[in-house]
Amino acid sequence: FVFTGSLETISREQAEELVRQNGGNASSSVGKETSFVVAGEEAGTKYDKARKLSIKIITEKEFLKMLP
């Protein structure tokens, strides 16, 4: 998971920790191995790179629904 832009309900650090607690990996950069980009308000270059690489882009709400 890579987070970009401002999240509404949790901080980016909290979101990354939730990913790790549930066995996933959180990264600060988008690459071919990235599975999801969570895009918040004012998403920037990470969003653009994810689109170019055809990486699934989801909202914060969709991310939170994925958690157990």
Protein backbone atom coordinates (compact mmCIF):
# COMPACT_ATOMS: atom_id res chain seq x y z
CA PHE A 1 0.00 0.00 0.00
CA VAL A 2 1.07 3.54 -0.76
CA PHE A 3 -0.81 6.54 0.61
CA THR A 4 -0.96 9.87 -1.16
CA GLY A 5 -2.76 13.09 -0.40
CA SER A 6 -4.54 14.01 2.82
CA LEU A 7 -6.64 11.35 4.49
CA GLU A 8 -9.85 12.47 6.23
CA THR A 9 -10.28 10.20 9.24
CA ILE A 10 -6.80 8.91 10.11
CA SER A 11 -3.24 10.06 9.64
CA ARG A 12 -1.04 8.53 6.97
CA GLU A 13 1.15 7.07 9.74
CA GLN A 14 -1.88 5.43 11.38
CA ALA A 15 -2.97 3.99 8.03
CA GLU A 16 0.50 2.56 7.38
CA GLU A 17 0.52 0.99 10.85
CA LEU A 18 -2.90 -0.62 10.19
CA VAL A 19 -1.48 -2.16 7.02
CA ARG A 20 1.49 -3.58 8.92
CA GLN A 21 -0.69 -4.88 11.78
CA ASN A 22 -2.71 -6.83 9.23
CA GLY A 23 0.29 -8.41 7.54
CA GLY A 24 0.71 -6.00 4.64
CA ASN A 25 3.48 -3.70 3.54
CA ALA A 26 3.32 0.07 3.41
CA SER A 27 5.70 2.06 1.27
CA SER A 28 6.35 5.72 0.60
CA SER A 29 6.94 5.22 -3.13
CA VAL A 30 4.97 3.67 -5.98
CA GLY A 31 6.60 0.82 -7.89
CA LYS A 32 5.69 -2.22 -9.95
CA GLU A 33 5.28 -4.26 -6.77
CA THR A 34 2.68 -1.84 -5.33
CA SER A 35 -0.79 -3.43 -5.11
CA PHE A 36 -2.87 -0.42 -4.02
CA VAL A 37 -2.54 3.35 -3.86
CA VAL A 38 -4.90 5.02 -1.40
CA ALA A 39 -5.62 8.50 -2.73
CA GLY A 40 -6.77 11.28 -0.44
CA GLU A 41 -7.38 14.96 -1.09
CA GLU A 42 -4.80 16.68 -3.29
CA ALA A 43 -3.12 13.42 -4.35
CA GLY A 44 0.00 14.22 -6.34
CA THR A 45 2.76 12.51 -8.27
CA LYS A 46 2.24 9.12 -6.59
CA TYR A 47 -1.31 9.11 -7.97
CA ASP A 48 -0.04 9.96 -11.44
CA LYS A 49 2.63 7.25 -11.31
CA ALA A 50 0.08 4.66 -10.13
CA ARG A 51 -2.16 5.49 -13.09
CA LYS A 52 0.75 5.11 -15.52
CA LEU A 53 1.63 1.71 -14.00
CA SER A 54 -2.05 0.58 -13.94
CA ILE A 55 -1.98 0.12 -10.16
CA LYS A 56 -5.37 -0.02 -8.44
CA ILE A 57 -6.25 3.33 -6.87
CA ILE A 58 -8.74 3.32 -4.03
CA THR A 59 -10.26 5.86 -1.64
CA GLU A 60 -9.69 6.03 2.09
CA LYS A 61 -13.21 4.67 2.61
CA GLU A 62 -12.47 1.65 0.40
CA PHE A 63 -9.21 1.08 2.28
CA LEU A 64 -10.96 1.11 5.66
CA LYS A 65 -13.56 -1.40 4.41
CA MET A 66 -10.74 -3.81 3.54
CA LEU A 67 -9.62 -4.01 7.17
CA PRO A 68 -10.88 -6.86 9.35
